[in-house]
Amino acid sequence: MAPRDHTLFVAVLRSASAGRATAAGCPNRPTSTLTRVEMVRLLTTLDQFEARVLAARLGAEGVLWELRGGHDGPYPMGPVHVFVEASDLERARELVASTEALPVEVDE
């Protein structure tokens, strides 16, 4: 069964505006709001390490990501699905396409 696209709610932290009362009437206290984020599947891999490295690369580029499937737990096995925010899907695909495989060293 293929994983479905889904929605997440992400807490977005906002700093307080100067002189404006925010949370609990405190002018210097930041507030947070929940933002709805549509997540779509970027790819599926059988390699948990590859999925984690890709997630790190996406995060370094500012792309919101989520891993689902066999990537966690005491015995991680099975496919790992990498999801990204729908608005970042094309940029994430470009990052995957621009990633080069490391050369394989052969002992002679």
Foldseek 3Di string as FASTA:
>chain_A
DDDAKDKDWDKDKDAADPPDQDPPRDRGDIDIDIDIFTKDWQDKDFDLVVLVVLCVVCVVVVWDKDWDAQNDDPHRGDMITIITTPVCNVVSNVVVVPDDDDDDDDDD
